Amino acid sequence: MKNIQPIDPIAFSLGPISVHWYGVIIGLGIALSLWLVIKESDKRGLPKDLFPDLMIWAIPIAIISARIYYVIFEWDYYSEHLGQIPEIWNGGIAIHGALIGSVLTAYFFTRKKRVSFLKVVDIAAPGIILGQAIGRWGNFINQEAHGGEVSRAFLENLHLPEFIINQMYINGVYYHPTFLYESIWSLLGLIFLLLLRRVNLKRGEIFLSYLIWYSIGRFFIEGMRTDSLMLTEHLRMAQVISIALVIVSLIIIIIRRVKGYDHVRYLDKEV
């Protein structure tokens, strides 16, 4: 078998400082997501500085909460390697942790600014899922968030580019590119959410639809992964949360519609 070299995780160096591809890709995802969100925010009549100001708080809090979430469920390891806790450039951040941090930040931020929390998260939902689609390629560079063992022939039959197949060769074994499956699912979700804007759903339902879409895909993809954060010996944390998010989101949508709560819709002008 030919010698397969993984992609260098370091994008470039500035003197003693090494810039990792993981951070570059995460940064790209944030930038494109913010561009998409600001563009829609202007159309919906929100203040031009609302989302940039929100992101100043939400991005660092989301990264910190994503790392804390991951470290909590890997505490057996990090309790003995405390110095590695801040090293997010080596991977190890959890999307569900980032969601918790960013949504809580948005809630308190919108209350202070006296704008609709539901309107803000509806506008943000396509940007969030776009960021997730791009961010998974950081996992690709780090050769993490992959699935179980497969053959090279299996990967070739998926008609994947050579560089993806080679990067899925880790310590002498080929693995499922689950990072790619989730990235594609998220891109399809982006299209789905953009189409939902035209339907003019009740305010909050685009964000709830995002939670449902992402959670369905994550549930099945998580079942293929070999590095899941475990709630118990047999329960994967991401799958439990995914099921809960789908159920809760559906219940909220049904109750609001049956009870006639909140007649304001996405395209309405109210702030």
Protein backbone atom coordinates (compact mmCIF):
# COMPACT_ATOMS: atom_id res chain seq x y z
CA MET A 1 0.00 0.00 0.00
CA LYS A 2 1.30 3.46 -0.87
CA ASN A 3 2.36 5.79 1.90
CA ILE A 4 -0.57 8.09 2.71
CA GLN A 5 0.28 11.29 4.56
CA PRO A 6 -2.49 13.12 6.44
CA ILE A 7 -3.11 16.81 5.84
CA ASP A 8 -0.92 19.01 8.03
CA PRO A 9 -3.25 20.44 10.71
CA ILE A 10 -1.19 23.66 10.78
CA ALA A 11 -2.28 26.08 8.05
CA PHE A 12 0.63 28.48 8.50
CA SER A 13 2.96 29.89 11.12
CA LEU A 14 3.65 33.46 12.17
CA GLY A 15 6.96 33.20 13.97
CA PRO A 16 6.36 31.08 17.07
CA ILE A 17 2.57 31.12 16.54
CA SER A 18 1.03 28.24 14.61
CA VAL A 19 -2.38 28.81 13.04
CA HIS A 20 -4.34 25.57 12.78
CA TRP A 21 -6.70 24.71 9.95
CA TYR A 22 -9.31 23.86 12.59
CA GLY A 23 -9.40 27.47 13.77
CA VAL A 24 -9.29 28.84 10.21
CA ILE A 25 -12.27 26.72 9.18
CA ILE A 26 -14.27 27.57 12.30
CA GLY A 27 -13.51 31.25 11.65
CA LEU A 28 -14.64 30.93 8.03
CA GLY A 29 -17.88 29.30 9.16
CA ILE A 30 -18.55 32.12 11.62
CA ALA A 31 -17.80 34.81 9.00
CA LEU A 32 -20.09 33.32 6.34
CA SER A 33 -22.83 32.67 8.87
CA LEU A 34 -22.66 36.27 10.09
CA TRP A 35 -22.81 37.56 6.52
CA LEU A 36 -25.92 35.48 5.81
CA VAL A 37 -27.61 36.53 9.04
CA ILE A 38 -26.86 40.26 8.66
CA LYS A 39 -28.16 40.21 5.10
CA GLU A 40 -31.50 38.77 6.26
CA SER A 41 -31.60 40.96 9.35
CA ASP A 42 -31.49 44.09 7.18
CA LYS A 43 -34.46 42.81 5.18
CA ARG A 44 -36.43 42.13 8.35
CA GLY A 45 -35.95 45.66 9.64
CA LEU A 46 -33.72 44.99 12.63
CA PRO A 47 -31.02 47.50 13.66
CA LYS A 48 -27.90 47.08 11.51
CA ASP A 49 -25.62 46.64 14.50
CA LEU A 50 -27.84 44.12 16.31
CA PHE A 51 -26.24 40.88 15.10
CA PRO A 52 -22.63 42.14 15.09
CA ASP A 53 -23.13 43.26 18.70
CA LEU A 54 -24.77 39.95 19.57
CA MET A 55 -21.93 37.98 17.97
CA ILE A 56 -19.35 39.79 20.09
CA TRP A 57 -20.91 38.03 23.07
CA ALA A 58 -22.37 34.89 21.51
CA ILE A 59 -19.28 33.61 19.66
CA PRO A 60 -16.84 33.45 22.61
CA ILE A 61 -19.57 32.21 24.95
CA ALA A 62 -20.57 29.52 22.45
CA ILE A 63 -16.96 28.36 22.05
CA ILE A 64 -16.40 28.30 25.81
CA SER A 65 -19.68 26.49 26.51
CA ALA A 66 -18.96 24.01 23.71
CA ARG A 67 -15.60 23.23 25.26
CA ILE A 68 -16.98 23.00 28.79
CA TYR A 69 -19.70 20.63 27.58
CA TYR A 70 -17.10 18.39 25.92
CA VAL A 71 -14.70 18.45 28.86
CA ILE A 72 -17.47 17.54 31.32
CA PHE A 73 -18.23 14.33 29.44
CA GLU A 74 -14.52 13.55 29.00
CA TRP A 75 -13.56 14.48 32.54
CA ASP A 76 -11.83 11.16 33.24
CA TYR A 77 -9.24 12.21 30.67
CA TYR A 78 -9.06 15.97 31.28
CA SER A 79 -8.88 15.61 35.06
CA GLU A 80 -5.43 14.16 34.46
CA HIS A 81 -4.54 16.59 31.63
CA LEU A 82 -5.75 19.95 32.93
CA GLY A 83 -3.34 21.86 30.72
CA GLN A 84 -5.08 20.55 27.60
CA ILE A 85 -8.51 21.95 28.52
CA PRO A 86 -7.98 25.27 26.65
CA GLU A 87 -6.53 23.56 23.53
CA ILE A 88 -9.63 23.76 21.33
CA TRP A 89 -7.45 23.90 18.21
CA ASN A 90 -6.88 20.18 18.71
CA GLY A 91 -10.62 19.57 18.50
CA GLY A 92 -13.04 18.67 21.23
CA ILE A 93 -15.92 21.11 21.16
CA ALA A 94 -19.53 19.97 21.21
CA ILE A 95 -22.18 21.57 19.02
CA HIS A 96 -24.90 21.05 21.60
CA GLY A 97 -22.79 22.92 24.14
CA ALA A 98 -22.33 25.77 21.67
CA LEU A 99 -26.07 25.89 21.06
CA ILE A 100 -26.85 26.12 24.75
CA GLY A 101 -24.40 28.97 25.23
CA SER A 102 -25.39 30.93 22.14
CA VAL A 103 -29.16 30.60 22.64
CA LEU A 104 -28.94 31.70 26.27
CA THR A 105 -26.78 34.63 25.22
CA ALA A 106 -29.29 35.61 22.53
CA TYR A 107 -32.17 35.39 25.01
CA PHE A 108 -30.64 37.79 27.51
CA PHE A 109 -29.24 40.04 24.78
CA THR A 110 -32.62 40.44 23.05
CA ARG A 111 -34.34 41.18 26.35
CA LYS A 112 -31.87 43.97 26.99
CA LYS A 113 -32.28 45.35 23.46
CA ARG A 114 -36.08 44.98 23.60
CA VAL A 115 -36.36 43.01 20.38
CA SER A 116 -38.11 39.70 19.74
CA PHE A 117 -36.00 36.72 20.78
CA LEU A 118 -38.00 34.46 18.45
CA LYS A 119 -37.47 36.79 15.50
CA VAL A 120 -33.73 36.88 16.15
CA VAL A 121 -33.31 33.09 16.41
CA ASP A 122 -35.47 32.58 13.31
CA ILE A 123 -33.15 34.86 11.35
CA ALA A 124 -30.08 33.19 12.87
CA ALA A 125 -31.13 29.58 12.21
CA PRO A 126 -29.88 29.33 8.58
CA GLY A 127 -26.61 30.93 9.64
CA ILE A 128 -26.18 28.46 12.49
CA ILE A 129 -26.64 25.42 10.28
CA LEU A 130 -24.33 26.90 7.63
CA GLY A 131 -21.66 27.35 10.28
CA GLN A 132 -22.13 23.73 11.35
CA ALA A 133 -21.78 22.50 7.76
CA ILE A 134 -18.49 24.35 7.36
CA GLY A 135 -17.19 23.61 10.85
CA ARG A 136 -17.33 19.85 10.30
CA TRP A 137 -14.44 20.22 7.87
CA GLY A 138 -12.31 21.22 10.85
CA ASN A 139 -13.02 17.73 12.19
CA PHE A 140 -11.95 16.37 8.82
CA ILE A 141 -8.56 18.07 9.07
CA ASN A 142 -8.08 16.77 12.62
CA GLN A 143 -9.18 13.25 11.56
CA GLU A 144 -11.86 13.17 14.25
CA ALA A 145 -15.65 12.79 14.44
CA HIS A 146 -15.40 9.82 12.06
CA GLY A 147 -17.37 6.60 12.01
CA GLY A 148 -16.44 2.96 12.18
CA GLU A 149 -13.99 1.02 10.07
CA VAL A 150 -14.67 0.61 6.33
CA SER A 151 -12.68 -0.51 3.31
CA ARG A 152 -11.05 1.78 0.77
CA ALA A 153 -13.32 0.21 -1.85
CA PHE A 154 -16.35 1.36 0.16
CA LEU A 155 -15.11 4.95 0.14
CA GLU A 156 -14.25 4.80 -3.56
CA ASN A 157 -17.76 3.53 -4.31
CA LEU A 158 -19.08 6.75 -2.70
CA HIS A 159 -17.19 8.60 -5.46
CA LEU A 160 -15.35 10.70 -2.93
CA PRO A 161 -12.36 12.83 -3.93
CA GLU A 162 -8.98 11.23 -3.32
CA PHE A 163 -8.03 13.76 -0.62
CA ILE A 164 -11.06 12.80 1.49
CA ILE A 165 -10.40 9.08 1.10
CA ASN A 166 -6.76 9.55 2.08
CA GLN A 167 -7.61 11.68 5.11
CA MET A 168 -9.96 8.94 6.31
CA TYR A 169 -6.95 6.60 6.48
CA ILE A 170 -5.99 6.78 10.16
CA ASN A 171 -3.40 4.54 11.80
CA GLY A 172 -3.66 1.94 9.08
CA VAL A 173 -7.48 1.85 8.91
CA TYR A 174 -10.10 3.57 6.73
CA TYR A 175 -13.12 5.07 8.48
CA HIS A 176 -16.62 6.33 7.67
CA PRO A 177 -16.45 10.08 6.84
CA THR A 178 -19.30 10.94 9.19
CA PHE A 179 -18.07 14.54 9.25
CA LEU A 180 -19.02 14.66 5.56
CA TYR A 181 -22.43 13.09 6.10
CA GLU A 182 -23.28 15.70 8.71
CA SER A 183 -21.90 18.54 6.59
CA ILE A 184 -24.08 17.49 3.65
CA TRP A 185 -27.13 17.06 5.92
CA SER A 186 -26.57 20.55 7.28
CA LEU A 187 -26.27 22.05 3.78
CA LEU A 188 -29.55 20.40 2.84
CA GLY A 189 -30.98 21.85 6.05
CA LEU A 190 -29.81 25.29 4.99
CA ILE A 191 -31.79 24.98 1.75
CA PHE A 192 -34.80 23.71 3.71
CA LEU A 193 -34.72 26.66 6.12
CA LEU A 194 -34.29 29.21 3.33
CA LEU A 195 -37.38 27.76 1.65
CA LEU A 196 -39.31 27.93 4.92
CA ARG A 197 -38.79 31.69 4.97
CA ARG A 198 -41.12 31.96 1.99
CA VAL A 199 -43.82 29.93 3.74
CA ASN A 200 -44.10 32.70 6.36
CA LEU A 201 -44.45 30.44 9.39
CA LYS A 202 -45.32 31.65 12.84
CA ARG A 203 -42.45 33.42 14.53
CA GLY A 204 -40.12 30.90 16.18
CA GLU A 205 -41.02 28.00 13.91
CA ILE A 206 -38.04 28.38 11.59
CA PHE A 207 -35.71 27.98 14.56
CA LEU A 208 -37.74 25.04 15.86
CA SER A 209 -37.61 23.51 12.36
CA TYR A 210 -33.84 23.89 12.43
CA LEU A 211 -33.70 22.00 15.73
CA ILE A 212 -35.85 19.22 14.30
CA TRP A 213 -33.93 18.94 11.02
CA TYR A 214 -30.49 18.98 12.56
CA SER A 215 -31.45 16.61 15.38
CA ILE A 216 -32.89 13.96 13.05
CA GLY A 217 -29.69 13.83 11.03
CA ARG A 218 -27.47 13.99 14.09
CA PHE A 219 -29.30 11.08 15.74
CA PHE A 220 -28.54 8.69 12.89
CA ILE A 221 -25.04 9.98 12.14
CA GLU A 222 -24.09 9.87 15.82
CA GLY A 223 -24.92 6.17 15.85
CA MET A 224 -22.12 5.62 13.32
CA ARG A 225 -19.44 7.53 15.24
CA THR A 226 -16.72 5.98 17.37
CA ASP A 227 -15.97 9.03 19.55
CA SER A 228 -19.39 9.81 21.01
CA LEU A 229 -19.77 11.50 24.36
CA MET A 230 -21.56 8.93 26.50
CA LEU A 231 -24.30 9.61 29.04
CA THR A 232 -24.13 6.02 30.27
CA GLU A 233 -22.33 2.94 29.01
CA HIS A 234 -24.93 2.46 26.28
CA LEU A 235 -26.53 5.90 25.81
CA ARG A 236 -24.89 8.45 23.51
CA MET A 237 -25.45 11.95 24.82
CA ALA A 238 -25.97 13.53 21.40
CA GLN A 239 -28.65 10.98 20.50
CA VAL A 240 -30.53 11.56 23.76
CA ILE A 241 -30.45 15.32 23.24
CA SER A 242 -31.46 14.95 19.58
CA ILE A 243 -34.55 12.92 20.49
CA ALA A 244 -35.45 15.40 23.22
CA LEU A 245 -35.08 18.39 20.88
CA VAL A 246 -37.27 16.82 18.21
CA ILE A 247 -40.02 15.92 20.68
CA VAL A 248 -39.96 19.26 22.52
CA SER A 249 -39.86 21.29 19.30
CA LEU A 250 -42.83 19.40 17.82
CA ILE A 251 -44.81 19.79 21.06
CA ILE A 252 -44.16 23.54 21.12
CA ILE A 253 -45.23 23.94 17.48
CA ILE A 254 -48.41 21.90 18.01
CA ILE A 255 -49.42 23.62 21.26
CA ARG A 256 -48.84 27.11 19.85
CA ARG A 257 -50.93 26.32 16.79
CA VAL A 258 -53.74 24.51 18.63
CA LYS A 259 -53.99 27.21 21.31
CA GLY A 260 -53.55 30.03 18.81
CA TYR A 261 -50.60 31.53 20.64
CA ASP A 262 -48.65 34.31 18.93
CA HIS A 263 -50.16 35.35 15.61
CA VAL A 264 -47.01 37.20 14.53
CA ARG A 265 -45.33 35.57 11.54
CA TYR A 266 -41.79 35.58 10.24
CA LEU A 267 -42.29 38.17 7.52
CA ASP A 268 -44.30 40.55 9.69
CA LYS A 269 -42.66 43.91 10.38
CA GLU A 270 -42.95 43.97 14.18
CA VAL A 271 -39.65 44.02 16.04
